[in-house]
Amino acid sequence: MNSITEPAAQVIVALIPIVGIVIGGIVVFFYLLWHHRQIMFQLKNGTYKPQSINLKNFALIAGLLLCSVGLVLSVLFCLIDGFSYSLLGGLLPLALGVGLLIYNRLS
């Protein structure tokens, strides 16, 4: 008898991603709540300085990460399934990464 076909094992395997998403949502919620309270406290004390985002550096880092992940996924999906619709799972992040790198170069 295969242990993965047991109903208890299937329930546990199905619950793992749900629990991870719930815990991640709780962490994001409390981060946003505490960040909001910090900004409100700084505004009350007059010490708030708005932070500017360096869009060029963000485009470079995000472009490099998306290109590397997209390239690995594209090669993996191409080796597993060949040229099929599953290859889009790697080509989409690759195209987004290339677009961000082009934006970084042009700006």
PDB file of N, CA and C in Angstrom:
ATOM      1  N   MET A   1       0.842  -1.173   0.000  1.00  0.00           N
ATOM      2  CA  MET A   1       0.000   0.000   0.000  1.00  0.00           C
ATOM      3  C   MET A   1       0.893   1.244   0.000  1.00  0.00           C
ATOM      4  N   ASN A   2       0.589   2.183  -0.877  1.00  0.00           N
ATOM      5  CA  ASN A   2       1.359   3.404  -0.983  1.00  0.00           C
ATOM      6  C   ASN A   2       0.896   4.388   0.088  1.00  0.00           C
ATOM      7  N   SER A   3       1.841   4.979   0.827  1.00  0.00           N
ATOM      8  CA  SER A   3       1.472   5.834   1.961  1.00  0.00           C
ATOM      9  C   SER A   3       0.924   7.184   1.512  1.00  0.00           C
ATOM     10  N   ILE A   4       1.208   7.622   0.292  1.00  0.00           N
ATOM     11  CA  ILE A   4       0.722   8.921  -0.154  1.00  0.00           C
ATOM     12  C   ILE A   4      -0.767   8.877  -0.484  1.00  0.00           C
ATOM     13  N   THR A   5      -1.304   7.681  -0.737  1.00  0.00           N
ATOM     14  CA  THR A   5      -2.728   7.569  -1.051  1.00  0.00           C
ATOM     15  C   THR A   5      -3.596   7.480   0.199  1.00  0.00           C
ATOM     16  N   GLU A   6      -2.994   7.417   1.355  1.00  0.00           N
ATOM     17  CA  GLU A   6      -3.757   7.398   2.596  1.00  0.00           C
ATOM     18  C   GLU A   6      -4.474   8.726   2.765  1.00  0.00           C
ATOM     19  N   PRO A   7      -5.708   8.706   3.232  1.00  0.00           N
ATOM     20  CA  PRO A   7      -6.458   9.964   3.382  1.00  0.00           C
ATOM     21  C   PRO A   7      -5.811  10.946   4.355  1.00  0.00           C
ATOM     22  N   ALA A   8      -5.224  10.446   5.416  1.00  0.00           N
ATOM     23  CA  ALA A   8      -4.588  11.343   6.385  1.00  0.00           C
ATOM     24  C   ALA A   8      -3.390  12.052   5.764  1.00  0.00           C
ATOM     25  N   ALA A   9      -2.615  11.329   4.968  1.00  0.00           N
ATOM     26  CA  ALA A   9      -1.464  11.940   4.310  1.00  0.00           C
ATOM     27  C   ALA A   9      -1.893  12.978   3.286  1.00  0.00           C
ATOM     28  N   GLN A  10      -2.982  12.708   2.568  1.00  0.00           N
ATOM     29  CA  GLN A  10      -3.474  13.666   1.587  1.00  0.00           C
ATOM     30  C   GLN A  10      -3.967  14.937   2.256  1.00  0.00           C
ATOM     31  N   VAL A  11      -4.603  14.826   3.410  1.00  0.00           N
ATOM     32  CA  VAL A  11      -5.076  16.003   4.139  1.00  0.00           C
ATOM     33  C   VAL A  11      -3.895  16.837   4.610  1.00  0.00           C
ATOM     34  N   ILE A  12      -2.883  16.189   5.142  1.00  0.00           N
ATOM     35  CA  ILE A  12      -1.704  16.918   5.631  1.00  0.00           C
ATOM     36  C   ILE A  12      -0.988  17.607   4.480  1.00  0.00           C
ATOM     37  N   VAL A  13      -0.817  16.923   3.363  1.00  0.00           N
ATOM     38  CA  VAL A  13      -0.151  17.522   2.208  1.00  0.00           C
ATOM     39  C   VAL A  13      -0.961  18.692   1.660  1.00  0.00           C
ATOM     40  N   ALA A  14      -2.279  18.612   1.717  1.00  0.00           N
ATOM     41  CA  ALA A  14      -3.120  19.707   1.229  1.00  0.00           C
ATOM     42  C   ALA A  14      -3.120  20.889   2.188  1.00  0.00           C
ATOM     43  N   LEU A  15      -2.916  20.658   3.469  1.00  0.00           N
ATOM     44  CA  LEU A  15      -2.957  21.739   4.457  1.00  0.00           C
ATOM     45  C   LEU A  15      -1.659  22.541   4.533  1.00  0.00           C
ATOM     46  N   ILE A  16      -0.543  21.971   4.116  1.00  0.00           N
ATOM     47  CA  ILE A  16       0.747  22.649   4.248  1.00  0.00           C
ATOM     48  C   ILE A  16       0.756  23.988   3.499  1.00  0.00           C
ATOM     49  N   PRO A  17       0.378  24.071   2.222  1.00  0.00           N
ATOM     50  CA  PRO A  17       0.404  25.378   1.571  1.00  0.00           C
ATOM     51  C   PRO A  17      -0.626  26.350   2.136  1.00  0.00           C
ATOM     52  N   ILE A  18      -1.775  25.847   2.578  1.00  0.00           N
ATOM     53  CA  ILE A  18      -2.793  26.732   3.146  1.00  0.00           C
ATOM     54  C   ILE A  18      -2.279  27.374   4.427  1.00  0.00           C
ATOM     55  N   VAL A  19      -1.656  26.596   5.278  1.00  0.00           N
ATOM     56  CA  VAL A  19      -1.104  27.124   6.529  1.00  0.00           C
ATOM     57  C   VAL A  19       0.005  28.131   6.225  1.00  0.00           C
ATOM     58  N   GLY A  20       0.837  27.844   5.250  1.00  0.00           N
ATOM     59  CA  GLY A  20       1.901  28.781   4.883  1.00  0.00           C
ATOM     60  C   GLY A  20       1.354  30.105   4.386  1.00  0.00           C
ATOM     61  N   ILE A  21       0.297  30.059   3.580  1.00  0.00           N
ATOM     62  CA  ILE A  21      -0.297  31.289   3.067  1.00  0.00           C
ATOM     63  C   ILE A  21      -0.943  32.083   4.192  1.00  0.00           C
ATOM     64  N   VAL A  22      -1.628  31.413   5.103  1.00  0.00           N
ATOM     65  CA  VAL A  22      -2.265  32.104   6.225  1.00  0.00           C
ATOM     66  C   VAL A  22      -1.217  32.760   7.118  1.00  0.00           C
ATOM     67  N   ILE A  23      -0.159  32.042   7.451  1.00  0.00           N
ATOM     68  CA  ILE A  23       0.886  32.608   8.300  1.00  0.00           C
ATOM     69  C   ILE A  23       1.580  33.772   7.588  1.00  0.00           C
ATOM     70  N   GLY A  24       1.839  33.628   6.299  1.00  0.00           N
ATOM     71  CA  GLY A  24       2.430  34.733   5.546  1.00  0.00           C
ATOM     72  C   GLY A  24       1.522  35.945   5.518  1.00  0.00           C
ATOM     73  N   GLY A  25       0.212  35.736   5.373  1.00  0.00           N
ATOM     74  CA  GLY A  25      -0.736  36.849   5.399  1.00  0.00           C
ATOM     75  C   GLY A  25      -0.751  37.548   6.746  1.00  0.00           C
ATOM     76  N   ILE A  26      -0.654  36.779   7.825  1.00  0.00           N
ATOM     77  CA  ILE A  26      -0.619  37.373   9.167  1.00  0.00           C
ATOM     78  C   ILE A  26       0.645  38.205   9.344  1.00  0.00           C
ATOM     79  N   VAL A  27       1.780  37.701   8.886  1.00  0.00           N
ATOM     80  CA  VAL A  27       3.039  38.444   8.999  1.00  0.00           C
ATOM     81  C   VAL A  27       2.965  39.751   8.208  1.00  0.00           C
ATOM     82  N   VAL A  28       2.449  39.698   6.986  1.00  0.00           N
ATOM     83  CA  VAL A  28       2.328  40.908   6.164  1.00  0.00           C
ATOM     84  C   VAL A  28       1.375  41.900   6.814  1.00  0.00           C
ATOM     85  N   PHE A  29       0.252  41.421   7.370  1.00  0.00           N
ATOM     86  CA  PHE A  29      -0.706  42.304   8.030  1.00  0.00           C
ATOM     87  C   PHE A  29      -0.056  43.049   9.185  1.00  0.00           C
ATOM     88  N   PHE A  30       0.647  42.336  10.057  1.00  0.00           N
ATOM     89  CA  PHE A  30       1.254  42.995  11.209  1.00  0.00           C
ATOM     90  C   PHE A  30       2.409  43.902  10.806  1.00  0.00           C
ATOM     91  N   TYR A  31       3.132  43.549   9.759  1.00  0.00           N
ATOM     92  CA  TYR A  31       4.170  44.463   9.272  1.00  0.00           C
ATOM     93  C   TYR A  31       3.550  45.775   8.804  1.00  0.00           C
ATOM     94  N   LEU A  32       2.466  45.690   8.025  1.00  0.00           N
ATOM     95  CA  LEU A  32       1.806  46.905   7.555  1.00  0.00           C
ATOM     96  C   LEU A  32       1.220  47.709   8.712  1.00  0.00           C
ATOM     97  N   LEU A  33       0.635  47.032   9.700  1.00  0.00           N
ATOM     98  CA  LEU A  33       0.067  47.712  10.851  1.00  0.00           C
ATOM     99  C   LEU A  33       1.146  48.443  11.648  1.00  0.00           C
ATOM    100  N   TRP A  34       2.252  47.783  11.923  1.00  0.00           N
ATOM    101  CA  TRP A  34       3.314  48.408  12.705  1.00  0.00           C
ATOM    102  C   TRP A  34       3.999  49.522  11.931  1.00  0.00           C
ATOM    103  N   HIS A  35       4.146  49.355  10.633  1.00  0.00           N
ATOM    104  CA  HIS A  35       4.729  50.413   9.805  1.00  0.00           C
ATOM    105  C   HIS A  35       3.813  51.636   9.799  1.00  0.00           C
ATOM    106  N   HIS A  36       2.506  51.418   9.716  1.00  0.00           N
ATOM    107  CA  HIS A  36       1.558  52.526   9.756  1.00  0.00           C
ATOM    108  C   HIS A  36       1.635  53.257  11.093  1.00  0.00           C
ATOM    109  N   ARG A  37       1.683  52.509  12.181  1.00  0.00           N
ATOM    110  CA  ARG A  37       1.776  53.135  13.506  1.00  0.00           C
ATOM    111  C   ARG A  37       3.080  53.904  13.669  1.00  0.00           C
ATOM    112  N   GLN A  38       4.165  53.392  13.115  1.00  0.00           N
ATOM    113  CA  GLN A  38       5.449  54.090  13.187  1.00  0.00           C
ATOM    114  C   GLN A  38       5.379  55.415  12.441  1.00  0.00           C
ATOM    115  N   ILE A  39       4.784  55.417  11.250  1.00  0.00           N
ATOM    116  CA  ILE A  39       4.666  56.650  10.461  1.00  0.00           C
ATOM    117  C   ILE A  39       3.762  57.644  11.181  1.00  0.00           C
ATOM    118  N   MET A  40       2.650  57.166  11.753  1.00  0.00           N
ATOM    119  CA  MET A  40       1.753  58.069  12.485  1.00  0.00           C
ATOM    120  C   MET A  40       2.458  58.684  13.698  1.00  0.00           C
ATOM    121  N   PHE A  41       3.265  57.913  14.399  1.00  0.00           N
ATOM    122  CA  PHE A  41       4.021  58.425  15.539  1.00  0.00           C
ATOM    123  C   PHE A  41       5.040  59.461  15.089  1.00  0.00           C
ATOM    124  N   GLN A  42       5.714  59.203  13.967  1.00  0.00           N
ATOM    125  CA  GLN A  42       6.677  60.173  13.443  1.00  0.00           C
ATOM    126  C   GLN A  42       5.984  61.456  12.997  1.00  0.00           C
ATOM    127  N   LEU A  43       4.809  61.339  12.408  1.00  0.00           N
ATOM    128  CA  LEU A  43       4.059  62.539  12.018  1.00  0.00           C
ATOM    129  C   LEU A  43       3.633  63.346  13.236  1.00  0.00           C
ATOM    130  N   LYS A  44       3.233  62.656  14.300  1.00  0.00           N
ATOM    131  CA  LYS A  44       2.817  63.339  15.518  1.00  0.00           C
ATOM    132  C   LYS A  44       3.984  64.094  16.153  1.00  0.00           C
ATOM    133  N   ASN A  45       5.188  63.514  16.081  1.00  0.00           N
ATOM    134  CA  ASN A  45       6.366  64.143  16.688  1.00  0.00           C
ATOM    135  C   ASN A  45       7.080  65.105  15.747  1.00  0.00           C
ATOM    136  N   GLY A  46       6.694  65.133  14.490  1.00  0.00           N
ATOM    137  CA  GLY A  46       7.341  66.025  13.534  1.00  0.00           C
ATOM    138  C   GLY A  46       8.684  65.536  13.036  1.00  0.00           C
ATOM    139  N   THR A  47       8.937  64.236  13.110  1.00  0.00           N
ATOM    140  CA  THR A  47      10.223  63.682  12.674  1.00  0.00           C
ATOM    141  C   THR A  47      10.101  62.860  11.400  1.00  0.00           C
ATOM    142  N   TYR A  48       8.952  62.943  10.731  1.00  0.00           N
ATOM    143  CA  TYR A  48       8.732  62.119   9.537  1.00  0.00           C
ATOM    144  C   TYR A  48       9.452  62.719   8.342  1.00  0.00           C
ATOM    145  N   LYS A  49      10.240  61.889   7.652  1.00  0.00           N
ATOM    146  CA  LYS A  49      10.892  62.263   6.402  1.00  0.00           C
ATOM    147  C   LYS A  49      10.472  61.245   5.354  1.00  0.00           C
ATOM    148  N   PRO A  50       9.755  61.676   4.300  1.00  0.00           N
ATOM    149  CA  PRO A  50       9.348  60.703   3.286  1.00  0.00           C
ATOM    150  C   PRO A  50      10.565  60.096   2.595  1.00  0.00           C
ATOM    151  N   GLN A  51      10.498  58.796   2.372  1.00  0.00           N
ATOM    152  CA  GLN A  51      11.600  58.101   1.728  1.00  0.00           C
ATOM    153  C   GLN A  51      11.316  57.985   0.244  1.00  0.00           C
ATOM    154  N   SER A  52      12.316  58.281  -0.542  1.00  0.00           N
ATOM    155  CA  SER A  52      12.164  58.138  -1.986  1.00  0.00           C
ATOM    156  C   SER A  52      12.728  56.785  -2.420  1.00  0.00           C
ATOM    157  N   ILE A  53      12.104  56.193  -3.411  1.00  0.00           N
ATOM    158  CA  ILE A  53      12.529  54.894  -3.928  1.00  0.00           C
ATOM    159  C   ILE A  53      13.417  55.132  -5.138  1.00  0.00           C
ATOM    160  N   ASN A  54      14.569  54.509  -5.148  1.00  0.00           N
ATOM    161  CA  ASN A  54      15.457  54.594  -6.295  1.00  0.00           C
ATOM    162  C   ASN A  54      14.973  53.577  -7.329  1.00  0.00           C
ATOM    163  N   LEU A  55      14.208  54.072  -8.298  1.00  0.00           N
ATOM    164  CA  LEU A  55      13.555  53.187  -9.256  1.00  0.00           C
ATOM    165  C   LEU A  55      14.557  52.476 -10.169  1.00  0.00           C
ATOM    166  N   LYS A  56      15.679  53.122 -10.442  1.00  0.00           N
ATOM    167  CA  LYS A  56      16.676  52.501 -11.320  1.00  0.00           C
ATOM    168  C   LYS A  56      17.308  51.275 -10.650  1.00  0.00           C
ATOM    169  N   ASN A  57      17.670  51.401  -9.388  1.00  0.00           N
ATOM    170  CA  ASN A  57      18.239  50.252  -8.677  1.00  0.00           C
ATOM    171  C   ASN A  57      17.213  49.146  -8.477  1.00  0.00           C
ATOM    172  N   PHE A  58      15.953  49.526  -8.203  1.00  0.00           N
ATOM    173  CA  PHE A  58      14.902  48.527  -8.063  1.00  0.00           C
ATOM    174  C   PHE A  58      14.703  47.757  -9.358  1.00  0.00           C
ATOM    175  N   ALA A  59      14.707  48.475 -10.500  1.00  0.00           N
ATOM    176  CA  ALA A  59      14.539  47.816 -11.792  1.00  0.00           C
ATOM    177  C   ALA A  59      15.700  46.866 -12.073  1.00  0.00           C
ATOM    178  N   LEU A  60      16.915  47.258 -11.675  1.00  0.00           N
ATOM    179  CA  LEU A  60      18.078  46.394 -11.893  1.00  0.00           C
ATOM    180  C   LEU A  60      17.981  45.115 -11.060  1.00  0.00           C
ATOM    181  N   ILE A  61      17.698  45.259  -9.774  1.00  0.00           N
ATOM    182  CA  ILE A  61      17.649  44.083  -8.897  1.00  0.00           C
ATOM    183  C   ILE A  61      16.490  43.168  -9.290  1.00  0.00           C
ATOM    184  N   ALA A  62      15.297  43.751  -9.488  1.00  0.00           N
ATOM    185  CA  ALA A  62      14.138  42.936  -9.855  1.00  0.00           C
ATOM    186  C   ALA A  62      14.340  42.298 -11.225  1.00  0.00           C
ATOM    187  N   GLY A  63      14.958  43.022 -12.169  1.00  0.00           N
ATOM    188  CA  GLY A  63      15.215  42.476 -13.497  1.00  0.00           C
ATOM    189  C   GLY A  63      16.179  41.302 -13.461  1.00  0.00           C
ATOM    190  N   LEU A  64      17.237  41.427 -12.675  1.00  0.00           N
ATOM    191  CA  LEU A  64      18.197  40.326 -12.568  1.00  0.00           C
ATOM    192  C   LEU A  64      17.563  39.097 -11.919  1.00  0.00           C
ATOM    193  N   LEU A  65      16.785  39.309 -10.848  1.00  0.00           N
ATOM    194  CA  LEU A  65      16.135  38.179 -10.186  1.00  0.00           C
ATOM    195  C   LEU A  65      15.117  37.504 -11.099  1.00  0.00           C
ATOM    196  N   LEU A  66      14.288  38.306 -11.776  1.00  0.00           N
ATOM    197  CA  LEU A  66      13.281  37.716 -12.656  1.00  0.00           C
ATOM    198  C   LEU A  66      13.919  37.009 -13.849  1.00  0.00           C
ATOM    199  N   CYS A  67      14.988  37.580 -14.390  1.00  0.00           N
ATOM    200  CA  CYS A  67      15.673  36.913 -15.506  1.00  0.00           C
ATOM    201  C   CYS A  67      16.259  35.575 -15.083  1.00  0.00           C
ATOM    202  N   SER A  68      16.896  35.541 -13.916  1.00  0.00           N
ATOM    203  CA  SER A  68      17.512  34.289 -13.489  1.00  0.00           C
ATOM    204  C   SER A  68      16.461  33.231 -13.178  1.00  0.00           C
ATOM    205  N   VAL A  69      15.400  33.608 -12.482  1.00  0.00           N
ATOM    206  CA  VAL A  69      14.339  32.646 -12.180  1.00  0.00           C
ATOM    207  C   VAL A  69      13.643  32.198 -13.464  1.00  0.00           C
ATOM    208  N   GLY A  70      13.344  33.159 -14.354  1.00  0.00           N
ATOM    209  CA  GLY A  70      12.672  32.823 -15.606  1.00  0.00           C
ATOM    210  C   GLY A  70      13.514  31.932 -16.497  1.00  0.00           C
ATOM    211  N   LEU A  71      14.820  32.169 -16.527  1.00  0.00           N
ATOM    212  CA  LEU A  71      15.701  31.338 -17.350  1.00  0.00           C
ATOM    213  C   LEU A  71      15.751  29.905 -16.828  1.00  0.00           C
ATOM    214  N   VAL A  72      15.877  29.758 -15.516  1.00  0.00           N
ATOM    215  CA  VAL A  72      15.927  28.415 -14.930  1.00  0.00           C
ATOM    216  C   VAL A  72      14.602  27.678 -15.163  1.00  0.00           C
ATOM    217  N   LEU A  73      13.473  28.376 -14.943  1.00  0.00           N
ATOM    218  CA  LEU A  73      12.179  27.733 -15.158  1.00  0.00           C
ATOM    219  C   LEU A  73      11.958  27.390 -16.622  1.00  0.00           C
ATOM    220  N   SER A  74      12.386  28.257 -17.531  1.00  0.00           N
ATOM    221  CA  SER A  74      12.217  27.982 -18.953  1.00  0.00           C
ATOM    222  C   SER A  74      12.998  26.746 -19.374  1.00  0.00           C
ATOM    223  N   VAL A  75      14.235  26.659 -18.929  1.00  0.00           N
ATOM    224  CA  VAL A  75      15.052  25.492 -19.274  1.00  0.00           C
ATOM    225  C   VAL A  75      14.456  24.223 -18.660  1.00  0.00           C
ATOM    226  N   LEU A  76      14.020  24.305 -17.408  1.00  0.00           N
ATOM    227  CA  LEU A  76      13.444  23.142 -16.743  1.00  0.00           C
ATOM    228  C   LEU A  76      12.174  22.675 -17.436  1.00  0.00           C
ATOM    229  N   PHE A  77      11.261  23.613 -17.729  1.00  0.00           N
ATOM    230  CA  PHE A  77      10.013  23.224 -18.383  1.00  0.00           C
ATOM    231  C   PHE A  77      10.254  22.727 -19.798  1.00  0.00           C
ATOM    232  N   CYS A  78      11.247  23.275 -20.466  1.00  0.00           N
ATOM    233  CA  CYS A  78      11.568  22.816 -21.825  1.00  0.00           C
ATOM    234  C   CYS A  78      12.110  21.380 -21.789  1.00  0.00           C
ATOM    235  N   LEU A  79      12.931  21.076 -20.777  1.00  0.00           N
ATOM    236  CA  LEU A  79      13.470  19.722 -20.664  1.00  0.00           C
ATOM    237  C   LEU A  79      12.403  18.710 -20.253  1.00  0.00           C
ATOM    238  N   ILE A  80      11.474  19.133 -19.393  1.00  0.00           N
ATOM    239  CA  ILE A  80      10.460  18.200 -18.900  1.00  0.00           C
ATOM    240  C   ILE A  80       9.372  17.958 -19.939  1.00  0.00           C
ATOM    241  N   ASP A  81       8.754  19.041 -20.453  1.00  0.00           N
ATOM    242  CA  ASP A  81       7.600  18.900 -21.340  1.00  0.00           C
ATOM    243  C   ASP A  81       7.889  19.241 -22.788  1.00  0.00           C
ATOM    244  N   GLY A  82       9.041  19.779 -23.089  1.00  0.00           N
ATOM    245  CA  GLY A  82       9.303  20.255 -24.437  1.00  0.00           C
ATOM    246  C   GLY A  82       8.609  21.595 -24.658  1.00  0.00           C
ATOM    247  N   PHE A  83       8.367  21.932 -25.905  1.00  0.00           N
ATOM    248  CA  PHE A  83       7.711  23.199 -26.210  1.00  0.00           C
ATOM    249  C   PHE A  83       6.201  23.029 -26.073  1.00  0.00           C
ATOM    250  N   SER A  84       5.687  23.428 -24.896  1.00  0.00           N
ATOM    251  CA  SER A  84       4.253  23.351 -24.633  1.00  0.00           C
ATOM    252  C   SER A  84       3.845  24.601 -23.859  1.00  0.00           C
ATOM    253  N   TYR A  85       2.590  24.642 -23.466  1.00  0.00           N
ATOM    254  CA  TYR A  85       2.087  25.819 -22.749  1.00  0.00           C
ATOM    255  C   TYR A  85       2.701  25.963 -21.365  1.00  0.00           C
ATOM    256  N   SER A  86       3.219  24.914 -20.794  1.00  0.00           N
ATOM    257  CA  SER A  86       3.862  25.028 -19.488  1.00  0.00           C
ATOM    258  C   SER A  86       5.139  25.856 -19.556  1.00  0.00           C
ATOM    259  N   LEU A  87       5.698  25.981 -20.734  1.00  0.00           N
ATOM    260  CA  LEU A  87       6.903  26.799 -20.914  1.00  0.00           C
ATOM    261  C   LEU A  87       6.629  28.265 -20.615  1.00  0.00           C
ATOM    262  N   LEU A  88       5.367  28.689 -20.713  1.00  0.00           N
ATOM    263  CA  LEU A  88       5.018  30.072 -20.386  1.00  0.00           C
ATOM    264  C   LEU A  88       5.290  30.401 -18.922  1.00  0.00           C
ATOM    265  N   GLY A  89       5.280  29.407 -18.056  1.00  0.00           N
ATOM    266  CA  GLY A  89       5.598  29.620 -16.647  1.00  0.00           C
ATOM    267  C   GLY A  89       7.013  30.109 -16.429  1.00  0.00           C
ATOM    268  N   GLY A  90       7.899  29.858 -17.353  1.00  0.00           N
ATOM    269  CA  GLY A  90       9.255  30.375 -17.260  1.00  0.00           C
ATOM    270  C   GLY A  90       9.489  31.563 -18.173  1.00  0.00           C
ATOM    271  N   LEU A  91       8.770  31.612 -19.292  1.00  0.00           N
ATOM    272  CA  LEU A  91       8.985  32.715 -20.230  1.00  0.00           C
ATOM    273  C   LEU A  91       8.406  34.033 -19.727  1.00  0.00           C
ATOM    274  N   LEU A  92       7.324  33.985 -18.960  1.00  0.00           N
ATOM    275  CA  LEU A  92       6.740  35.224 -18.449  1.00  0.00           C
ATOM    276  C   LEU A  92       7.666  35.954 -17.484  1.00  0.00           C
ATOM    277  N   PRO A  93       8.231  35.314 -16.454  1.00  0.00           N
ATOM    278  CA  PRO A  93       9.174  36.052 -15.614  1.00  0.00           C
ATOM    279  C   PRO A  93      10.441  36.458 -16.373  1.00  0.00           C
ATOM    280  N   LEU A  94      10.849  35.645 -17.335  1.00  0.00           N
ATOM    281  CA  LEU A  94      12.018  36.006 -18.141  1.00  0.00           C
ATOM    282  C   LEU A  94      11.751  37.273 -18.943  1.00  0.00           C
ATOM    283  N   ALA A  95      10.576  37.375 -19.549  1.00  0.00           N
ATOM    284  CA  ALA A  95      10.240  38.573 -20.327  1.00  0.00           C
ATOM    285  C   ALA A  95      10.101  39.794 -19.422  1.00  0.00           C
ATOM    286  N   LEU A  96       9.520  39.626 -18.241  1.00  0.00           N
ATOM    287  CA  LEU A  96       9.423  40.747 -17.307  1.00  0.00           C
ATOM    288  C   LEU A  96      10.809  41.213 -16.863  1.00  0.00           C
ATOM    289  N   GLY A  97      11.689  40.282 -16.588  1.00  0.00           N
ATOM    290  CA  GLY A  97      13.048  40.639 -16.190  1.00  0.00           C
ATOM    291  C   GLY A  97      13.799  41.357 -17.292  1.00  0.00           C
ATOM    292  N   VAL A  98      13.653  40.889 -18.520  1.00  0.00           N
ATOM    293  CA  VAL A  98      14.315  41.556 -19.649  1.00  0.00           C
ATOM    294  C   VAL A  98      13.756  42.966 -19.813  1.00  0.00           C
ATOM    295  N   GLY A  99      12.439  43.120 -19.649  1.00  0.00           N
ATOM    296  CA  GLY A  99      11.838  44.448 -19.748  1.00  0.00           C
ATOM    297  C   GLY A  99      12.360  45.391 -18.676  1.00  0.00           C
ATOM    298  N   LEU A 100      12.510  44.905 -17.448  1.00  0.00           N
ATOM    299  CA  LEU A 100      13.048  45.749 -16.383  1.00  0.00           C
ATOM    300  C   LEU A 100      14.513  46.097 -16.624  1.00  0.00           C
ATOM    301  N   LEU A 101      15.284  45.161 -17.154  1.00  0.00           N
ATOM    302  CA  LEU A 101      16.682  45.464 -17.459  1.00  0.00           C
ATOM    303  C   LEU A 101      16.790  46.478 -18.600  1.00  0.00           C
ATOM    304  N   ILE A 102      15.903  46.388 -19.580  1.00  0.00           N
ATOM    305  CA  ILE A 102      15.899  47.377 -20.664  1.00  0.00           C
ATOM    306  C   ILE A 102      15.531  48.749 -20.098  1.00  0.00           C
ATOM    307  N   TYR A 103      14.537  48.810 -19.210  1.00  0.00           N
ATOM    308  CA  TYR A 103      14.173  50.073 -18.582  1.00  0.00           C
ATOM    309  C   TYR A 103      15.351  50.642 -17.789  1.00  0.00           C
ATOM    310  N   ASN A 104      16.055  49.771 -17.071  1.00  0.00           N
ATOM    311  CA  ASN A 104      17.206  50.224 -16.286  1.00  0.00           C
ATOM    312  C   ASN A 104      18.272  50.801 -17.199  1.00  0.00           C
ATOM    313  N   ARG A 105      18.510  50.170 -18.337  1.00  0.00           N
ATOM    314  CA  ARG A 105      19.546  50.630 -19.271  1.00  0.00           C
ATOM    315  C   ARG A 105      19.155  51.954 -19.921  1.00  0.00           C
ATOM    316  N   LEU A 106      17.873  52.115 -20.257  1.00  0.00           N
ATOM    317  CA  LEU A 106      17.427  53.322 -20.953  1.00  0.00           C
ATOM    318  C   LEU A 106      17.266  54.516 -20.040  1.00  0.00           C
ATOM    319  N   SER A 107      17.020  54.283 -18.750  1.00  0.00           N
ATOM    320  CA  SER A 107      16.804  55.428 -17.850  1.00  0.00           C
ATOM    321  C   SER A 107      18.110  55.977 -17.315  1.00  0.00           C
TER     322      SER A 107
END
